[in-house]
């Protein structure tokens, strides 16, 4: 049985991550009109390679399947609204992407290298070096990716595009990006100044909105929890 407190904390962390990386979805994300003149050396990519492209704050990952095809996990609100493949197979727009993240619905889909990268520079198998893990054989990596194609739940912290490619590439689903974010949140929580800041915000909300359970309880509960955690 899931712990309600852990679920609540997870939800808060995911929303913080979404807010802190909001510029990601308005800078170099698929579906927006912009000129893409980047030339990709597709012939140099091998089936099973991990391709990664930097966004504003995060990095997007995919598995190269050969023939100019990349399997990658993309949040998409349309998946929850329609089964029309002609609509859902179109390049995911920013609005679809953001709403998909919020509603936690995604698919592991196949796009061209150009649509996957959307003008950004591509790094190949960079995770092999950064994680210092032994990769599976490329053909096994590609087959794992192909078996995962289709609808998927989505979570910024627990099931994102990095989890997908690390599972395919190394056999273990991990996300250093999500881990780093959680470490940063831990640092903030442990900082005693966070207690003072939350207390001031709580008092300000009470002054502006008046005494009520929805203002008073958070004003007391949040600083207390931060003080105990610190």
C-alpha atoms as a PDB file:
ATOM      1  CA  UNK A   1       0.000   0.000   0.000  1.00  0.00           C
ATOM      2  CA  UNK A   2       1.408   3.388  -0.997  1.00  0.00           C
ATOM      3  CA  UNK A   3       2.225   5.942   1.674  1.00  0.00           C
ATOM      4  CA  UNK A   4      -0.045   9.023   1.189  1.00  0.00           C
ATOM      5  CA  UNK A   5       2.646  11.327   2.593  1.00  0.00           C
ATOM      6  CA  UNK A   6       5.254  10.015   0.146  1.00  0.00           C
ATOM      7  CA  UNK A   7       2.794  10.394  -2.729  1.00  0.00           C
ATOM      8  CA  UNK A   8       2.093  13.997  -1.697  1.00  0.00           C
ATOM      9  CA  UNK A   9       5.804  14.810  -1.446  1.00  0.00           C
ATOM     10  CA  UNK A  10       6.405  13.188  -4.839  1.00  0.00           C
ATOM     11  CA  UNK A  11       3.630  15.280  -6.403  1.00  0.00           C
ATOM     12  CA  UNK A  12       5.038  18.512  -4.946  1.00  0.00           C
ATOM     13  CA  UNK A  13       8.551  17.694  -6.170  1.00  0.00           C
ATOM     14  CA  UNK A  14       7.301  16.932  -9.667  1.00  0.00           C
ATOM     15  CA  UNK A  15       5.400  20.218  -9.878  1.00  0.00           C
ATOM     16  CA  UNK A  16       8.471  22.110  -8.655  1.00  0.00           C
ATOM     17  CA  UNK A  17      10.557  20.399 -11.316  1.00  0.00           C
ATOM     18  CA  UNK A  18       7.994  21.281 -13.974  1.00  0.00           C
ATOM     19  CA  UNK A  19       7.926  24.934 -12.893  1.00  0.00           C
ATOM     20  CA  UNK A  20      11.711  25.244 -12.611  1.00  0.00           C
ATOM     21  CA  UNK A  21      12.124  23.850 -16.116  1.00  0.00           C
ATOM     22  CA  UNK A  22       9.185  25.588 -17.762  1.00  0.00           C
ATOM     23  CA  UNK A  23      11.459  27.371 -20.256  1.00  0.00           C
ATOM     24  CA  UNK A  24      12.343  23.923 -21.580  1.00  0.00           C
ATOM     25  CA  UNK A  25       8.980  23.749 -23.295  1.00  0.00           C
ATOM     26  CA  UNK A  26       9.324  27.130 -24.980  1.00  0.00           C
ATOM     27  CA  UNK A  27      12.874  26.798 -26.214  1.00  0.00           C
ATOM     28  CA  UNK A  28      13.741  24.199 -28.799  1.00  0.00           C
ATOM     29  CA  UNK A  29      10.771  21.968 -28.067  1.00  0.00           C
ATOM     30  CA  UNK A  30       9.028  20.091 -30.882  1.00  0.00           C
ATOM     31  CA  UNK A  31       6.012  21.513 -32.635  1.00  0.00           C
ATOM     32  CA  UNK A  32       6.978  25.198 -32.751  1.00  0.00           C
ATOM     33  CA  UNK A  33       7.713  27.122 -35.938  1.00  0.00           C
ATOM     34  CA  UNK A  34      11.396  27.844 -36.215  1.00  0.00           C
ATOM     35  CA  UNK A  35      14.104  27.386 -38.774  1.00  0.00           C
ATOM     36  CA  UNK A  36      16.049  24.139 -38.471  1.00  0.00           C
ATOM     37  CA  UNK A  37      19.172  24.114 -40.573  1.00  0.00           C
ATOM     38  CA  UNK A  38      21.236  21.654 -38.555  1.00  0.00           C
ATOM     39  CA  UNK A  39      22.641  18.796 -40.608  1.00  0.00           C
ATOM     40  CA  UNK A  40      22.884  15.435 -38.879  1.00  0.00           C
ATOM     41  CA  UNK A  41      25.382  12.742 -39.803  1.00  0.00           C
ATOM     42  CA  UNK A  42      22.757  10.006 -39.731  1.00  0.00           C
ATOM     43  CA  UNK A  43      25.142   7.546 -41.395  1.00  0.00           C
ATOM     44  CA  UNK A  44      27.384   7.729 -38.307  1.00  0.00           C
ATOM     45  CA  UNK A  45      24.654   6.564 -35.924  1.00  0.00           C
ATOM     46  CA  UNK A  46      24.410   2.878 -35.156  1.00  0.00           C
ATOM     47  CA  UNK A  47      21.215   1.004 -34.330  1.00  0.00           C
ATOM     48  CA  UNK A  48      20.986   0.960 -30.524  1.00  0.00           C
ATOM     49  CA  UNK A  49      22.945   4.190 -29.962  1.00  0.00           C
ATOM     50  CA  UNK A  50      21.648   6.596 -27.320  1.00  0.00           C
ATOM     51  CA  UNK A  51      21.039  10.049 -28.786  1.00  0.00           C
ATOM     52  CA  UNK A  52      20.713  13.023 -26.480  1.00  0.00           C
ATOM     53  CA  UNK A  53      19.886  16.649 -27.208  1.00  0.00           C
ATOM     54  CA  UNK A  54      20.234  19.522 -24.707  1.00  0.00           C
ATOM     55  CA  UNK A  55      17.226  21.688 -23.983  1.00  0.00           C
ATOM     56  CA  UNK A  56      17.186  24.872 -21.894  1.00  0.00           C
ATOM     57  CA  UNK A  57      17.437  23.096 -18.532  1.00  0.00           C
ATOM     58  CA  UNK A  58      17.056  19.388 -19.245  1.00  0.00           C
ATOM     59  CA  UNK A  59      18.373  16.861 -21.742  1.00  0.00           C
ATOM     60  CA  UNK A  60      16.105  14.783 -23.979  1.00  0.00           C
ATOM     61  CA  UNK A  61      17.046  11.181 -24.817  1.00  0.00           C
ATOM     62  CA  UNK A  62      16.188   8.601 -27.439  1.00  0.00           C
ATOM     63  CA  UNK A  63      17.328   5.270 -28.895  1.00  0.00           C
ATOM     64  CA  UNK A  64      18.365   5.197 -32.540  1.00  0.00           C
ATOM     65  CA  UNK A  65      16.608   2.368 -34.382  1.00  0.00           C
ATOM     66  CA  UNK A  66      18.224   2.824 -37.778  1.00  0.00           C
ATOM     67  CA  UNK A  67      16.812   4.226 -41.029  1.00  0.00           C
ATOM     68  CA  UNK A  68      16.563   7.740 -39.573  1.00  0.00           C
ATOM     69  CA  UNK A  69      14.230   6.576 -36.754  1.00  0.00           C
ATOM     70  CA  UNK A  70      14.504   7.428 -33.058  1.00  0.00           C
ATOM     71  CA  UNK A  71      12.430   5.894 -30.263  1.00  0.00           C
ATOM     72  CA  UNK A  72      11.845   8.309 -27.405  1.00  0.00           C
ATOM     73  CA  UNK A  73       9.352   8.984 -24.620  1.00  0.00           C
ATOM     74  CA  UNK A  74       7.167  12.041 -25.158  1.00  0.00           C
ATOM     75  CA  UNK A  75       4.381  13.359 -22.905  1.00  0.00           C
ATOM     76  CA  UNK A  76       1.260  14.116 -24.964  1.00  0.00           C
ATOM     77  CA  UNK A  77      -2.189  15.129 -23.720  1.00  0.00           C
ATOM     78  CA  UNK A  78      -3.790  13.982 -27.001  1.00  0.00           C
ATOM     79  CA  UNK A  79      -3.152  10.385 -26.005  1.00  0.00           C
ATOM     80  CA  UNK A  80      -5.727  10.784 -23.243  1.00  0.00           C
ATOM     81  CA  UNK A  81      -8.254  12.415 -25.567  1.00  0.00           C
ATOM     82  CA  UNK A  82      -8.208  10.450 -28.820  1.00  0.00           C
ATOM     83  CA  UNK A  83      -7.142   7.197 -30.442  1.00  0.00           C
ATOM     84  CA  UNK A  84      -6.757   8.841 -33.847  1.00  0.00           C
ATOM     85  CA  UNK A  85      -3.217   7.919 -34.891  1.00  0.00           C
ATOM     86  CA  UNK A  86      -3.207  10.565 -37.608  1.00  0.00           C
ATOM     87  CA  UNK A  87      -3.432  13.190 -34.856  1.00  0.00           C
ATOM     88  CA  UNK A  88      -1.216  11.613 -32.229  1.00  0.00           C
ATOM     89  CA  UNK A  89       1.569  10.712 -34.656  1.00  0.00           C
ATOM     90  CA  UNK A  90       2.101  14.349 -35.610  1.00  0.00           C
ATOM     91  CA  UNK A  91       5.080  16.091 -33.992  1.00  0.00           C
ATOM     92  CA  UNK A  92       4.121  16.973 -30.417  1.00  0.00           C
ATOM     93  CA  UNK A  93       3.496  20.702 -29.880  1.00  0.00           C
ATOM     94  CA  UNK A  94       4.511  22.602 -26.746  1.00  0.00           C
ATOM     95  CA  UNK A  95       0.943  22.788 -25.426  1.00  0.00           C
ATOM     96  CA  UNK A  96       0.424  19.050 -25.908  1.00  0.00           C
ATOM     97  CA  UNK A  97       3.752  18.392 -24.223  1.00  0.00           C
ATOM     98  CA  UNK A  98       3.122  20.544 -21.154  1.00  0.00           C
ATOM     99  CA  UNK A  99      -0.402  19.216 -20.606  1.00  0.00           C
ATOM    100  CA  UNK A 100       0.898  15.673 -21.083  1.00  0.00           C
ATOM    101  CA  UNK A 101       3.462  16.228 -18.322  1.00  0.00           C
ATOM    102  CA  UNK A 102       0.784  17.575 -15.986  1.00  0.00           C
ATOM    103  CA  UNK A 103      -1.611  14.707 -16.742  1.00  0.00           C
ATOM    104  CA  UNK A 104       1.251  12.172 -16.648  1.00  0.00           C
ATOM    105  CA  UNK A 105       0.404  10.549 -19.965  1.00  0.00           C
ATOM    106  CA  UNK A 106       3.002   9.777 -22.630  1.00  0.00           C
ATOM    107  CA  UNK A 107       4.020   7.387 -25.338  1.00  0.00           C
ATOM    108  CA  UNK A 108       7.253   5.850 -26.457  1.00  0.00           C
ATOM    109  CA  UNK A 109       7.092   6.850 -30.100  1.00  0.00           C
ATOM    110  CA  UNK A 110       9.258   6.857 -33.208  1.00  0.00           C
ATOM    111  CA  UNK A 111      10.233  10.072 -34.983  1.00  0.00           C
ATOM    112  CA  UNK A 112      12.881  11.101 -37.476  1.00  0.00           C
ATOM    113  CA  UNK A 113      16.239  12.291 -36.176  1.00  0.00           C
ATOM    114  CA  UNK A 114      15.354  15.814 -37.300  1.00  0.00           C
ATOM    115  CA  UNK A 115      12.036  15.882 -35.436  1.00  0.00           C
ATOM    116  CA  UNK A 116      13.628  14.301 -32.372  1.00  0.00           C
ATOM    117  CA  UNK A 117      16.525  16.790 -32.184  1.00  0.00           C
ATOM    118  CA  UNK A 118      14.646  19.826 -33.482  1.00  0.00           C
ATOM    119  CA  UNK A 119      17.749  21.755 -34.438  1.00  0.00           C
ATOM    120  CA  UNK A 120      19.792  20.959 -31.326  1.00  0.00           C
ATOM    121  CA  UNK A 121      23.215  19.330 -31.389  1.00  0.00           C
ATOM    122  CA  UNK A 122      23.194  15.589 -30.812  1.00  0.00           C
ATOM    123  CA  UNK A 123      25.498  13.712 -28.458  1.00  0.00           C
ATOM    124  CA  UNK A 124      25.920   9.987 -29.070  1.00  0.00           C
ATOM    125  CA  UNK A 125      26.271   7.490 -26.201  1.00  0.00           C
ATOM    126  CA  UNK A 126      27.337  10.249 -23.821  1.00  0.00           C
ATOM    127  CA  UNK A 127      25.580   8.412 -20.979  1.00  0.00           C
ATOM    128  CA  UNK A 128      28.082   5.553 -21.326  1.00  0.00           C
ATOM    129  CA  UNK A 129      30.842   7.922 -20.227  1.00  0.00           C
ATOM    130  CA  UNK A 130      28.935  10.007 -17.697  1.00  0.00           C
ATOM    131  CA  UNK A 131      27.400   7.009 -15.891  1.00  0.00           C
ATOM    132  CA  UNK A 132      30.434   4.772 -16.362  1.00  0.00           C
ATOM    133  CA  UNK A 133      28.208   1.754 -16.896  1.00  0.00           C
ATOM    134  CA  UNK A 134      28.686  -1.153 -19.258  1.00  0.00           C
ATOM    135  CA  UNK A 135      26.165  -0.978 -22.073  1.00  0.00           C
ATOM    136  CA  UNK A 136      24.282  -3.913 -23.499  1.00  0.00           C
ATOM    137  CA  UNK A 137      24.903  -4.930 -27.094  1.00  0.00           C
ATOM    138  CA  UNK A 138      23.446  -2.367 -29.487  1.00  0.00           C
ATOM    139  CA  UNK A 139      20.989  -4.795 -31.060  1.00  0.00           C
ATOM    140  CA  UNK A 140      19.656  -5.736 -27.619  1.00  0.00           C
ATOM    141  CA  UNK A 141      19.288  -2.028 -26.789  1.00  0.00           C
ATOM    142  CA  UNK A 142      17.259  -1.420 -29.956  1.00  0.00           C
ATOM    143  CA  UNK A 143      15.056  -4.465 -29.359  1.00  0.00           C
ATOM    144  CA  UNK A 144      14.311  -3.332 -25.804  1.00  0.00           C
ATOM    145  CA  UNK A 145      13.272   0.060 -27.145  1.00  0.00           C
ATOM    146  CA  UNK A 146      11.035  -1.467 -29.799  1.00  0.00           C
ATOM    147  CA  UNK A 147       9.298  -3.652 -27.212  1.00  0.00           C
ATOM    148  CA  UNK A 148       8.466  -0.534 -25.171  1.00  0.00           C
ATOM    149  CA  UNK A 149       6.767   1.346 -28.010  1.00  0.00           C
ATOM    150  CA  UNK A 150       3.252   2.539 -27.247  1.00  0.00           C
ATOM    151  CA  UNK A 151       1.359   4.228 -24.426  1.00  0.00           C
ATOM    152  CA  UNK A 152       3.157   4.809 -21.148  1.00  0.00           C
ATOM    153  CA  UNK A 153       2.600   6.559 -17.857  1.00  0.00           C
ATOM    154  CA  UNK A 154       4.845   9.572 -17.323  1.00  0.00           C
ATOM    155  CA  UNK A 155       6.558  11.052 -14.300  1.00  0.00           C
ATOM    156  CA  UNK A 156       9.243  13.736 -14.251  1.00  0.00           C
ATOM    157  CA  UNK A 157      10.847  12.054 -11.257  1.00  0.00           C
ATOM    158  CA  UNK A 158      10.130   8.356 -11.682  1.00  0.00           C
ATOM    159  CA  UNK A 159       9.465   7.584 -15.347  1.00  0.00           C
ATOM    160  CA  UNK A 160      10.867  10.029 -17.880  1.00  0.00           C
ATOM    161  CA  UNK A 161      12.780   9.772 -21.173  1.00  0.00           C
ATOM    162  CA  UNK A 162      16.045   9.186 -19.316  1.00  0.00           C
ATOM    163  CA  UNK A 163      14.590   6.259 -17.396  1.00  0.00           C
ATOM    164  CA  UNK A 164      13.492   4.792 -20.726  1.00  0.00           C
ATOM    165  CA  UNK A 165      16.897   4.981 -22.416  1.00  0.00           C
ATOM    166  CA  UNK A 166      18.889   3.836 -19.375  1.00  0.00           C
ATOM    167  CA  UNK A 167      16.641   0.787 -19.070  1.00  0.00           C
ATOM    168  CA  UNK A 168      17.210  -0.007 -22.738  1.00  0.00           C
ATOM    169  CA  UNK A 169      20.933   0.750 -22.691  1.00  0.00           C
ATOM    170  CA  UNK A 170      22.013  -0.602 -19.299  1.00  0.00           C
ATOM    171  CA  UNK A 171      19.130  -2.762 -18.084  1.00  0.00           C
ATOM    172  CA  UNK A 172      18.383  -0.430 -15.157  1.00  0.00           C
ATOM    173  CA  UNK A 173      16.028   2.548 -15.267  1.00  0.00           C
ATOM    174  CA  UNK A 174      17.725   5.537 -13.640  1.00  0.00           C
ATOM    175  CA  UNK A 175      17.648   9.306 -14.143  1.00  0.00           C
ATOM    176  CA  UNK A 176      20.642  11.341 -12.940  1.00  0.00           C
ATOM    177  CA  UNK A 177      18.735  14.513 -13.869  1.00  0.00           C
ATOM    178  CA  UNK A 178      15.881  13.671 -11.505  1.00  0.00           C
ATOM    179  CA  UNK A 179      18.354  12.586  -8.802  1.00  0.00           C
ATOM    180  CA  UNK A 180      20.199  15.898  -9.089  1.00  0.00           C
ATOM    181  CA  UNK A 181      16.961  17.833  -8.748  1.00  0.00           C
ATOM    182  CA  UNK A 182      16.030  15.869  -5.609  1.00  0.00           C
ATOM    183  CA  UNK A 183      19.478  16.579  -4.154  1.00  0.00           C
ATOM    184  CA  UNK A 184      18.982  20.300  -4.775  1.00  0.00           C
ATOM    185  CA  UNK A 185      15.580  20.171  -3.081  1.00  0.00           C
ATOM    186  CA  UNK A 186      17.181  18.372  -0.126  1.00  0.00           C
ATOM    187  CA  UNK A 187      19.780  21.130   0.178  1.00  0.00           C
ATOM    188  CA  UNK A 188      17.062  23.791   0.183  1.00  0.00           C
ATOM    189  CA  UNK A 189      15.030  21.922   2.800  1.00  0.00           C
ATOM    190  CA  UNK A 190      18.044  21.547   5.076  1.00  0.00           C
ATOM    191  CA  UNK A 191      18.888  25.247   4.834  1.00  0.00           C
ATOM    192  CA  UNK A 192      17.559  26.935   7.977  1.00  0.00           C
ATOM    193  CA  UNK A 193      16.817  30.053   5.947  1.00  0.00           C
ATOM    194  CA  UNK A 194      14.048  28.070   4.274  1.00  0.00           C
ATOM    195  CA  UNK A 195      12.264  27.880   7.628  1.00  0.00           C
ATOM    196  CA  UNK A 196      12.351  31.658   8.015  1.00  0.00           C
ATOM    197  CA  UNK A 197      11.289  32.226   4.404  1.00  0.00           C
ATOM    198  CA  UNK A 198       8.344  29.825   4.676  1.00  0.00           C
ATOM    199  CA  UNK A 199       7.279  31.391   7.992  1.00  0.00           C
ATOM    200  CA  UNK A 200       7.329  34.887   6.466  1.00  0.00           C
ATOM    201  CA  UNK A 201       5.315  33.700   3.456  1.00  0.00           C
ATOM    202  CA  UNK A 202       2.852  31.986   5.780  1.00  0.00           C
ATOM    203  CA  UNK A 203       2.350  35.139   7.831  1.00  0.00           C
ATOM    204  CA  UNK A 204       1.957  37.170   4.643  1.00  0.00           C
ATOM    205  CA  UNK A 205      -0.746  34.797   3.380  1.00  0.00           C
ATOM    206  CA  UNK A 206      -2.608  35.089   6.691  1.00  0.00           C
ATOM    207  CA  UNK A 207      -2.407  38.902   6.569  1.00  0.00           C
ATOM    208  CA  UNK A 208      -3.601  39.023   2.947  1.00  0.00           C
ATOM    209  CA  UNK A 209      -6.203  36.252   3.045  1.00  0.00           C
ATOM    210  CA  UNK A 210      -7.181  36.248   6.700  1.00  0.00           C
ATOM    211  CA  UNK A 211      -7.317  33.477   9.296  1.00  0.00           C
ATOM    212  CA  UNK A 212      -8.631  30.313   7.690  1.00  0.00           C
ATOM    213  CA  UNK A 213      -7.669  26.627   7.735  1.00  0.00           C
ATOM    214  CA  UNK A 214      -6.219  26.808   4.206  1.00  0.00           C
ATOM    215  CA  UNK A 215      -3.885  29.650   5.249  1.00  0.00           C
ATOM    216  CA  UNK A 216      -3.189  28.989   8.923  1.00  0.00           C
ATOM    217  CA  UNK A 217      -2.420  25.267   8.715  1.00  0.00           C
ATOM    218  CA  UNK A 218       0.197  25.583   5.931  1.00  0.00           C
ATOM    219  CA  UNK A 219       1.688  28.623   7.690  1.00  0.00           C
ATOM    220  CA  UNK A 220       2.337  26.450  10.744  1.00  0.00           C
ATOM    221  CA  UNK A 221       2.840  23.013   9.209  1.00  0.00           C
ATOM    222  CA  UNK A 222       5.354  23.879   6.456  1.00  0.00           C
ATOM    223  CA  UNK A 223       7.850  25.829   8.620  1.00  0.00           C
ATOM    224  CA  UNK A 224       7.585  23.143  11.313  1.00  0.00           C
ATOM    225  CA  UNK A 225       8.357  20.342   8.847  1.00  0.00           C
ATOM    226  CA  UNK A 226      11.285  22.277   7.387  1.00  0.00           C
ATOM    227  CA  UNK A 227      12.603  22.968  10.891  1.00  0.00           C
ATOM    228  CA  UNK A 228      12.369  19.278  11.807  1.00  0.00           C
ATOM    229  CA  UNK A 229      13.986  18.227   8.525  1.00  0.00           C
ATOM    230  CA  UNK A 230      16.822  20.694   8.982  1.00  0.00           C
END
